[in-house]
PDB file of N, CA and C in Angstrom:
ATOM      1  N   UNK A   1       0.798  -1.181   0.006  1.00  0.00           N
ATOM      2  CA  UNK A   1      -0.011  -0.041  -0.006  1.00  0.00           C
ATOM      3  C   UNK A   1       0.904   1.217  -0.021  1.00  0.00           C
ATOM      4  N   UNK A   2       0.341   2.303  -0.527  1.00  0.00           N
ATOM      5  CA  UNK A   2       0.995   3.580  -0.506  1.00  0.00           C
ATOM      6  C   UNK A   2       0.274   4.478   0.478  1.00  0.00           C
ATOM      7  N   UNK A   3       1.022   5.081   1.400  1.00  0.00           N
ATOM      8  CA  UNK A   3       0.431   5.944   2.418  1.00  0.00           C
ATOM      9  C   UNK A   3       1.070   7.298   2.314  1.00  0.00           C
ATOM     10  N   UNK A   4       0.172   8.290   2.148  1.00  0.00           N
ATOM     11  CA  UNK A   4       0.574   9.680   2.099  1.00  0.00           C
ATOM     12  C   UNK A   4       0.141  10.379   3.395  1.00  0.00           C
ATOM     13  N   UNK A   5       1.015  11.079   3.989  1.00  0.00           N
ATOM     14  CA  UNK A   5       0.802  11.740   5.305  1.00  0.00           C
ATOM     15  C   UNK A   5       1.080  13.204   5.223  1.00  0.00           C
ATOM     16  N   UNK A   6       0.153  14.063   5.715  1.00  0.00           N
ATOM     17  CA  UNK A   6       0.359  15.491   5.810  1.00  0.00           C
ATOM     18  C   UNK A   6       0.499  15.830   7.304  1.00  0.00           C
ATOM     19  N   UNK A   7       1.534  16.574   7.641  1.00  0.00           N
ATOM     20  CA  UNK A   7       1.673  17.015   9.061  1.00  0.00           C
ATOM     21  C   UNK A   7       0.880  18.260   9.293  1.00  0.00           C
ATOM     22  N   UNK A   8       0.462  18.455  10.550  1.00  0.00           N
ATOM     23  CA  UNK A   8      -0.123  19.663  10.995  1.00  0.00           C
ATOM     24  C   UNK A   8       0.935  20.808  10.925  1.00  0.00           C
ATOM     25  N   UNK A   9       0.575  21.967  10.881  1.00  0.00           N
ATOM     26  CA  UNK A   9       1.534  23.150  10.842  1.00  0.00           C
ATOM     27  C   UNK A   9       2.596  22.972  11.934  1.00  0.00           C
ATOM     28  N   UNK A  10       3.895  22.933  11.585  1.00  0.00           N
ATOM     29  CA  UNK A  10       4.966  22.897  12.589  1.00  0.00           C
ATOM     30  C   UNK A  10       5.127  21.503  13.228  1.00  0.00           C
ATOM     31  N   UNK A  11       4.444  20.455  12.771  1.00  0.00           N
ATOM     32  CA  UNK A  11       4.493  19.178  13.433  1.00  0.00           C
ATOM     33  C   UNK A  11       5.198  18.061  12.583  1.00  0.00           C
ATOM     34  N   UNK A  12       6.064  18.514  11.688  1.00  0.00           N
ATOM     35  CA  UNK A  12       6.773  17.543  10.780  1.00  0.00           C
ATOM     36  C   UNK A  12       7.622  16.512  11.620  1.00  0.00           C
ATOM     37  N   UNK A  13       8.293  17.037  12.579  1.00  0.00           N
ATOM     38  CA  UNK A  13       9.145  16.092  13.370  1.00  0.00           C
ATOM     39  C   UNK A  13       8.286  15.194  14.263  1.00  0.00           C
ATOM     40  N   UNK A  14       7.123  15.698  14.745  1.00  0.00           N
ATOM     41  CA  UNK A  14       6.222  14.918  15.565  1.00  0.00           C
ATOM     42  C   UNK A  14       5.648  13.833  14.677  1.00  0.00           C
ATOM     43  N   UNK A  15       5.279  14.198  13.424  1.00  0.00           N
ATOM     44  CA  UNK A  15       4.835  13.114  12.540  1.00  0.00           C
ATOM     45  C   UNK A  15       5.786  12.015  12.375  1.00  0.00           C
ATOM     46  N   UNK A  16       7.018  12.417  12.078  1.00  0.00           N
ATOM     47  CA  UNK A  16       8.109  11.397  11.921  1.00  0.00           C
ATOM     48  C   UNK A  16       8.298  10.504  13.159  1.00  0.00           C
ATOM     49  N   UNK A  17       8.244  11.160  14.350  1.00  0.00           N
ATOM     50  CA  UNK A  17       8.371  10.425  15.608  1.00  0.00           C
ATOM     51  C   UNK A  17       7.303   9.421  15.817  1.00  0.00           C
ATOM     52  N   UNK A  18       6.061   9.840  15.589  1.00  0.00           N
ATOM     53  CA  UNK A  18       4.898   8.962  15.610  1.00  0.00           C
ATOM     54  C   UNK A  18       5.006   7.766  14.685  1.00  0.00           C
ATOM     55  N   UNK A  19       5.351   8.047  13.443  1.00  0.00           N
ATOM     56  CA  UNK A  19       5.473   6.953  12.445  1.00  0.00           C
ATOM     57  C   UNK A  19       6.607   6.060  12.812  1.00  0.00           C
ATOM     58  N   UNK A  20       7.711   6.528  13.403  1.00  0.00           N
ATOM     59  CA  UNK A  20       8.788   5.605  13.847  1.00  0.00           C
ATOM     60  C   UNK A  20       8.221   4.629  14.839  1.00  0.00           C
ATOM     61  N   UNK A  21       7.333   5.025  15.700  1.00  0.00           N
ATOM     62  CA  UNK A  21       6.775   4.137  16.697  1.00  0.00           C
ATOM     63  C   UNK A  21       5.836   3.141  16.104  1.00  0.00           C
ATOM     64  N   UNK A  22       4.863   3.622  15.262  1.00  0.00           N
ATOM     65  CA  UNK A  22       3.829   2.663  14.830  1.00  0.00           C
ATOM     66  C   UNK A  22       4.342   1.745  13.675  1.00  0.00           C
ATOM     67  N   UNK A  23       5.256   2.238  12.922  1.00  0.00           N
ATOM     68  CA  UNK A  23       5.778   1.416  11.810  1.00  0.00           C
ATOM     69  C   UNK A  23       6.656   0.271  12.375  1.00  0.00           C
ATOM     70  N   UNK A  24       7.154   0.442  13.593  1.00  0.00           N
ATOM     71  CA  UNK A  24       7.955  -0.591  14.244  1.00  0.00           C
ATOM     72  C   UNK A  24       7.051  -1.762  14.646  1.00  0.00           C
ATOM     73  N   UNK A  25       5.752  -1.579  14.650  1.00  0.00           N
ATOM     74  CA  UNK A  25       4.730  -2.616  14.995  1.00  0.00           C
ATOM     75  C   UNK A  25       4.424  -3.472  13.792  1.00  0.00           C
ATOM     76  N   UNK A  26       4.652  -2.938  12.599  1.00  0.00           N
ATOM     77  CA  UNK A  26       4.244  -3.543  11.372  1.00  0.00           C
ATOM     78  C   UNK A  26       4.630  -4.993  11.167  1.00  0.00           C
ATOM     79  N   UNK A  27       5.957  -5.412  11.458  1.00  0.00           N
ATOM     80  CA  UNK A  27       6.307  -6.744  11.363  1.00  0.00           C
ATOM     81  C   UNK A  27       5.442  -7.744  12.241  1.00  0.00           C
ATOM     82  N   UNK A  28       5.014  -7.324  13.353  1.00  0.00           N
ATOM     83  CA  UNK A  28       4.114  -8.175  14.125  1.00  0.00           C
ATOM     84  C   UNK A  28       2.832  -8.593  13.499  1.00  0.00           C
ATOM     85  N   UNK A  29       2.484  -7.889  12.412  1.00  0.00           N
ATOM     86  CA  UNK A  29       1.245  -8.089  11.668  1.00  0.00           C
ATOM     87  C   UNK A  29       1.561  -8.571  10.206  1.00  0.00           C
ATOM     88  N   UNK A  30       2.729  -9.088   9.990  1.00  0.00           N
ATOM     89  CA  UNK A  30       3.061  -9.593   8.718  1.00  0.00           C
ATOM     90  C   UNK A  30       3.409  -8.547   7.595  1.00  0.00           C
ATOM     91  N   UNK A  31       3.858  -7.436   8.099  1.00  0.00           N
ATOM     92  CA  UNK A  31       4.162  -6.387   7.173  1.00  0.00           C
ATOM     93  C   UNK A  31       5.577  -5.838   7.289  1.00  0.00           C
ATOM     94  N   UNK A  32       5.908  -5.040   6.303  1.00  0.00           N
ATOM     95  CA  UNK A  32       7.216  -4.344   6.340  1.00  0.00           C
ATOM     96  C   UNK A  32       7.192  -3.092   5.637  1.00  0.00           C
ATOM     97  N   UNK A  33       8.124  -2.104   5.919  1.00  0.00           N
ATOM     98  CA  UNK A  33       8.230  -0.883   5.281  1.00  0.00           C
ATOM     99  C   UNK A  33       9.158  -1.144   4.118  1.00  0.00           C
ATOM    100  N   UNK A  34       8.669  -0.947   2.886  1.00  0.00           N
ATOM    101  CA  UNK A  34       9.471  -1.067   1.716  1.00  0.00           C
ATOM    102  C   UNK A  34      10.312   0.217   1.471  1.00  0.00           C
ATOM    103  N   UNK A  35       9.630   1.374   1.644  1.00  0.00           N
ATOM    104  CA  UNK A  35      10.311   2.670   1.410  1.00  0.00           C
ATOM    105  C   UNK A  35       9.544   3.717   2.162  1.00  0.00           C
ATOM    106  N   UNK A  36      10.368   4.600   2.751  1.00  0.00           N
ATOM    107  CA  UNK A  36       9.764   5.703   3.495  1.00  0.00           C
ATOM    108  C   UNK A  36      10.539   6.980   3.065  1.00  0.00           C
ATOM    109  N   UNK A  37       9.817   8.023   2.597  1.00  0.00           N
ATOM    110  CA  UNK A  37      10.442   9.185   2.218  1.00  0.00           C
ATOM    111  C   UNK A  37       9.734  10.447   2.675  1.00  0.00           C
ATOM    112  N   UNK A  38      10.563  11.497   2.967  1.00  0.00           N
ATOM    113  CA  UNK A  38       9.939  12.761   3.359  1.00  0.00           C
ATOM    114  C   UNK A  38      10.084  13.710   2.170  1.00  0.00           C
ATOM    115  N   UNK A  39       9.027  14.502   1.902  1.00  0.00           N
ATOM    116  CA  UNK A  39       9.015  15.417   0.775  1.00  0.00           C
ATOM    117  C   UNK A  39       9.916  16.586   1.064  1.00  0.00           C
ATOM    118  N   UNK A  40      10.722  17.002   0.133  1.00  0.00           N
ATOM    119  CA  UNK A  40      11.578  18.205   0.358  1.00  0.00           C
ATOM    120  C   UNK A  40      10.807  19.457  -0.090  1.00  0.00           C
ATOM    121  N   UNK A  41      11.161  20.529   0.532  1.00  0.00           N
ATOM    122  CA  UNK A  41      10.499  21.769   0.139  1.00  0.00           C
ATOM    123  C   UNK A  41       9.183  21.924   0.876  1.00  0.00           C
ATOM    124  N   UNK A  42       8.504  23.051   0.650  1.00  0.00           N
ATOM    125  CA  UNK A  42       7.292  23.318   1.386  1.00  0.00           C
ATOM    126  C   UNK A  42       6.281  23.866   0.437  1.00  0.00           C
ATOM    127  N   UNK A  43       5.044  23.711   0.885  1.00  0.00           N
ATOM    128  CA  UNK A  43       3.942  24.267   0.084  1.00  0.00           C
ATOM    129  C   UNK A  43       3.431  23.418  -0.950  1.00  0.00           C
ATOM    130  N   UNK A  44       2.492  23.950  -1.735  1.00  0.00           N
ATOM    131  CA  UNK A  44       1.857  23.223  -2.819  1.00  0.00           C
ATOM    132  C   UNK A  44       0.966  22.075  -2.429  1.00  0.00           C
ATOM    133  N   UNK A  45       0.680  21.960  -1.165  1.00  0.00           N
ATOM    134  CA  UNK A  45      -0.291  20.978  -0.783  1.00  0.00           C
ATOM    135  C   UNK A  45       0.288  19.499  -0.810  1.00  0.00           C
ATOM    136  N   UNK A  46       1.642  19.451  -0.896  1.00  0.00           N
ATOM    137  CA  UNK A  46       2.339  18.065  -1.000  1.00  0.00           C
ATOM    138  C   UNK A  46       2.209  17.390   0.425  1.00  0.00           C
ATOM    139  N   UNK A  47       2.158  16.024   0.429  1.00  0.00           N
ATOM    140  CA  UNK A  47       2.293  15.336   1.610  1.00  0.00           C
ATOM    141  C   UNK A  47       3.690  15.540   2.263  1.00  0.00           C
ATOM    142  N   UNK A  48       3.721  15.385   3.575  1.00  0.00           N
ATOM    143  CA  UNK A  48       5.012  15.447   4.315  1.00  0.00           C
ATOM    144  C   UNK A  48       5.822  14.222   4.195  1.00  0.00           C
ATOM    145  N   UNK A  49       5.134  12.965   4.217  1.00  0.00           N
ATOM    146  CA  UNK A  49       5.810  11.789   4.114  1.00  0.00           C
ATOM    147  C   UNK A  49       5.059  10.869   3.284  1.00  0.00           C
ATOM    148  N   UNK A  50       5.788  10.009   2.513  1.00  0.00           N
ATOM    149  CA  UNK A  50       5.281   8.991   1.628  1.00  0.00           C
ATOM    150  C   UNK A  50       5.840   7.682   2.026  1.00  0.00           C
ATOM    151  N   UNK A  51       4.889   6.713   2.217  1.00  0.00           N
ATOM    152  CA  UNK A  51       5.417   5.326   2.630  1.00  0.00           C
ATOM    153  C   UNK A  51       4.907   4.304   1.667  1.00  0.00           C
ATOM    154  N   UNK A  52       5.760   3.328   1.311  1.00  0.00           N
ATOM    155  CA  UNK A  52       5.327   2.119   0.636  1.00  0.00           C
ATOM    156  C   UNK A  52       5.458   0.993   1.633  1.00  0.00           C
ATOM    157  N   UNK A  53       4.316   0.356   1.957  1.00  0.00           N
ATOM    158  CA  UNK A  53       4.288  -0.736   2.885  1.00  0.00           C
ATOM    159  C   UNK A  53       3.800  -2.011   2.238  1.00  0.00           C
ATOM    160  N   UNK A  54       4.319  -3.120   2.664  1.00  0.00           N
ATOM    161  CA  UNK A  54       3.947  -4.444   2.193  1.00  0.00           C
ATOM    162  C   UNK A  54       3.332  -5.228   3.316  1.00  0.00           C
ATOM    163  N   UNK A  55       2.178  -5.689   3.206  1.00  0.00           N
ATOM    164  CA  UNK A  55       1.443  -6.457   4.240  1.00  0.00           C
ATOM    165  C   UNK A  55       1.017  -7.708   3.608  1.00  0.00           C
ATOM    166  N   UNK A  56       1.205  -8.902   4.301  1.00  0.00           N
ATOM    167  CA  UNK A  56       0.894 -10.172   3.727  1.00  0.00           C
ATOM    168  C   UNK A  56      -0.615 -10.417   3.420  1.00  0.00           C
ATOM    169  N   UNK A  57      -1.462  -9.800   4.182  1.00  0.00           N
ATOM    170  CA  UNK A  57      -2.914  -9.996   3.989  1.00  0.00           C
ATOM    171  C   UNK A  57      -3.676  -8.874   4.495  1.00  0.00           C
ATOM    172  N   UNK A  58      -5.040  -8.842   4.176  1.00  0.00           N
ATOM    173  CA  UNK A  58      -5.986  -7.902   4.719  1.00  0.00           C
ATOM    174  C   UNK A  58      -6.074  -8.054   6.195  1.00  0.00           C
ATOM    175  N   UNK A  59      -5.996  -9.298   6.677  1.00  0.00           N
ATOM    176  CA  UNK A  59      -6.169  -9.599   8.095  1.00  0.00           C
ATOM    177  C   UNK A  59      -4.932  -8.946   8.830  1.00  0.00           C
ATOM    178  N   UNK A  60      -3.744  -8.889   8.213  1.00  0.00           N
ATOM    179  CA  UNK A  60      -2.601  -8.188   8.804  1.00  0.00           C
ATOM    180  C   UNK A  60      -2.777  -6.698   8.989  1.00  0.00           C
ATOM    181  N   UNK A  61      -3.381  -6.118   7.900  1.00  0.00           N
ATOM    182  CA  UNK A  61      -3.694  -4.707   7.939  1.00  0.00           C
ATOM    183  C   UNK A  61      -4.756  -4.393   8.994  1.00  0.00           C
ATOM    184  N   UNK A  62      -5.751  -5.235   9.075  1.00  0.00           N
ATOM    185  CA  UNK A  62      -6.803  -5.028  10.038  1.00  0.00           C
ATOM    186  C   UNK A  62      -6.350  -5.162  11.516  1.00  0.00           C
ATOM    187  N   UNK A  63      -5.390  -6.147  11.709  1.00  0.00           N
ATOM    188  CA  UNK A  63      -4.902  -6.302  13.101  1.00  0.00           C
ATOM    189  C   UNK A  63      -3.902  -5.178  13.485  1.00  0.00           C
ATOM    190  N   UNK A  64      -3.178  -4.699  12.449  1.00  0.00           N
ATOM    191  CA  UNK A  64      -2.314  -3.495  12.670  1.00  0.00           C
ATOM    192  C   UNK A  64      -3.125  -2.260  13.158  1.00  0.00           C
ATOM    193  N   UNK A  65      -4.240  -2.066  12.390  1.00  0.00           N
ATOM    194  CA  UNK A  65      -5.025  -0.912  12.632  1.00  0.00           C
ATOM    195  C   UNK A  65      -5.677  -0.951  14.063  1.00  0.00           C
ATOM    196  N   UNK A  66      -5.973  -2.093  14.627  1.00  0.00           N
ATOM    197  CA  UNK A  66      -6.544  -2.174  15.996  1.00  0.00           C
ATOM    198  C   UNK A  66      -5.599  -2.536  17.054  1.00  0.00           C
ATOM    199  N   UNK A  67      -4.252  -2.696  16.667  1.00  0.00           N
ATOM    200  CA  UNK A  67      -3.240  -2.976  17.664  1.00  0.00           C
ATOM    201  C   UNK A  67      -3.306  -1.964  18.807  1.00  0.00           C
ATOM    202  N   UNK A  68      -3.482  -2.523  20.045  1.00  0.00           N
ATOM    203  CA  UNK A  68      -3.638  -1.576  21.196  1.00  0.00           C
ATOM    204  C   UNK A  68      -2.435  -0.726  21.394  1.00  0.00           C
ATOM    205  N   UNK A  69      -1.258  -1.089  21.024  1.00  0.00           N
ATOM    206  CA  UNK A  69      -0.057  -0.329  21.141  1.00  0.00           C
ATOM    207  C   UNK A  69      -0.198   0.917  20.170  1.00  0.00           C
ATOM    208  N   UNK A  70      -0.779   0.671  19.041  1.00  0.00           N
ATOM    209  CA  UNK A  70      -0.963   1.776  18.071  1.00  0.00           C
ATOM    210  C   UNK A  70      -2.097   2.668  18.476  1.00  0.00           C
ATOM    211  N   UNK A  71      -3.227   2.017  18.869  1.00  0.00           N
ATOM    212  CA  UNK A  71      -4.325   2.947  19.233  1.00  0.00           C
ATOM    213  C   UNK A  71      -4.166   3.761  20.467  1.00  0.00           C
ATOM    214  N   UNK A  72      -3.190   3.309  21.341  1.00  0.00           N
ATOM    215  CA  UNK A  72      -2.826   4.039  22.515  1.00  0.00           C
ATOM    216  C   UNK A  72      -2.192   5.355  22.171  1.00  0.00           C
ATOM    217  N   UNK A  73      -1.612   5.419  21.008  1.00  0.00           N
ATOM    218  CA  UNK A  73      -0.902   6.667  20.546  1.00  0.00           C
ATOM    219  C   UNK A  73      -1.876   7.623  19.766  1.00  0.00           C
ATOM    220  N   UNK A  74      -3.145   7.393  19.790  1.00  0.00           N
ATOM    221  CA  UNK A  74      -4.104   8.147  18.993  1.00  0.00           C
ATOM    222  C   UNK A  74      -3.980   9.743  19.250  1.00  0.00           C
ATOM    223  N   UNK A  75      -3.819  10.120  20.509  1.00  0.00           N
ATOM    224  CA  UNK A  75      -3.701  11.577  20.747  1.00  0.00           C
ATOM    225  C   UNK A  75      -2.363  12.113  20.118  1.00  0.00           C
ATOM    226  N   UNK A  76      -1.307  11.327  20.159  1.00  0.00           N
ATOM    227  CA  UNK A  76      -0.095  11.768  19.489  1.00  0.00           C
ATOM    228  C   UNK A  76      -0.282  11.904  18.104  1.00  0.00           C
ATOM    229  N   UNK A  77      -0.955  10.954  17.458  1.00  0.00           N
ATOM    230  CA  UNK A  77      -1.196  10.927  16.011  1.00  0.00           C
ATOM    231  C   UNK A  77      -2.045  12.166  15.640  1.00  0.00           C
ATOM    232  N   UNK A  78      -3.104  12.412  16.384  1.00  0.00           N
ATOM    233  CA  UNK A  78      -4.040  13.558  16.106  1.00  0.00           C
ATOM    234  C   UNK A  78      -3.319  14.839  16.202  1.00  0.00           C
ATOM    235  N   UNK A  79      -2.330  15.009  17.094  1.00  0.00           N
ATOM    236  CA  UNK A  79      -1.626  16.211  17.319  1.00  0.00           C
ATOM    237  C   UNK A  79      -0.617  16.503  16.160  1.00  0.00           C
ATOM    238  N   UNK A  80      -0.132  15.405  15.467  1.00  0.00           N
ATOM    239  CA  UNK A  80       0.833  15.517  14.535  1.00  0.00           C
ATOM    240  C   UNK A  80       0.377  15.467  13.041  1.00  0.00           C
ATOM    241  N   UNK A  81      -0.622  14.680  12.808  1.00  0.00           N
ATOM    242  CA  UNK A  81      -1.056  14.318  11.433  1.00  0.00           C
ATOM    243  C   UNK A  81      -2.436  15.040  11.135  1.00  0.00           C
ATOM    244  N   UNK A  82      -2.374  15.831  10.083  1.00  0.00           N
ATOM    245  CA  UNK A  82      -3.552  16.496   9.666  1.00  0.00           C
ATOM    246  C   UNK A  82      -4.427  15.669   8.682  1.00  0.00           C
ATOM    247  N   UNK A  83      -3.773  14.902   7.805  1.00  0.00           N
ATOM    248  CA  UNK A  83      -4.461  14.151   6.784  1.00  0.00           C
ATOM    249  C   UNK A  83      -3.669  12.898   6.418  1.00  0.00           C
ATOM    250  N   UNK A  84      -4.419  11.908   6.088  1.00  0.00           N
ATOM    251  CA  UNK A  84      -3.739  10.603   5.540  1.00  0.00           C
ATOM    252  C   UNK A  84      -4.584  10.146   4.401  1.00  0.00           C
ATOM    253  N   UNK A  85      -3.858   9.717   3.325  1.00  0.00           N
ATOM    254  CA  UNK A  85      -4.519   8.995   2.226  1.00  0.00           C
ATOM    255  C   UNK A  85      -3.788   7.668   2.077  1.00  0.00           C
ATOM    256  N   UNK A  86      -4.571   6.607   1.807  1.00  0.00           N
ATOM    257  CA  UNK A  86      -3.990   5.283   1.601  1.00  0.00           C
ATOM    258  C   UNK A  86      -4.488   4.746   0.288  1.00  0.00           C
ATOM    259  N   UNK A  87      -3.569   4.215  -0.518  1.00  0.00           N
ATOM    260  CA  UNK A  87      -3.885   3.636  -1.777  1.00  0.00           C
ATOM    261  C   UNK A  87      -3.321   2.185  -1.889  1.00  0.00           C
ATOM    262  N   UNK A  88      -4.158   1.252  -2.301  1.00  0.00           N
ATOM    263  CA  UNK A  88      -3.654  -0.080  -2.560  1.00  0.00           C
ATOM    264  C   UNK A  88      -2.792  -0.053  -3.824  1.00  0.00           C
ATOM    265  N   UNK A  89      -1.619  -0.681  -3.748  1.00  0.00           N
ATOM    266  CA  UNK A  89      -0.730  -0.606  -4.944  1.00  0.00           C
ATOM    267  C   UNK A  89      -0.138  -1.997  -5.038  1.00  0.00           C
ATOM    268  N   UNK A  90       0.353  -2.378  -6.190  1.00  0.00           N
ATOM    269  CA  UNK A  90       1.124  -3.643  -6.367  1.00  0.00           C
ATOM    270  C   UNK A  90       2.615  -3.204  -6.508  1.00  0.00           C
ATOM    271  N   UNK A  91       3.416  -3.849  -5.772  1.00  0.00           N
ATOM    272  CA  UNK A  91       4.858  -3.620  -5.851  1.00  0.00           C
ATOM    273  C   UNK A  91       5.419  -4.478  -6.978  1.00  0.00           C
ATOM    274  N   UNK A  92       6.310  -3.887  -7.798  1.00  0.00           N
ATOM    275  CA  UNK A  92       6.936  -4.726  -8.883  1.00  0.00           C
ATOM    276  C   UNK A  92       8.379  -4.706  -8.806  1.00  0.00           C
TER     277      UNK A  92
END
């Protein structure tokens, strides 16, 4: 999947710190980070971070989304992330 993340104003580092924590949980759900990149420059409505993630199954995605370690960080996420878009993609 491709994940696009937009930080709240001034929260770019907080977004990265939050993502460091939750992406570390992904292997427990049959997933891995294929690529993670931060957009350079500012403005233009661009996302702050782009991620390519590989997860073995929909069940893995579902279990990641409800992982109590992840949901316990909801306030941190809400403070850092303004918007998220997720697209299913095939890696080649």
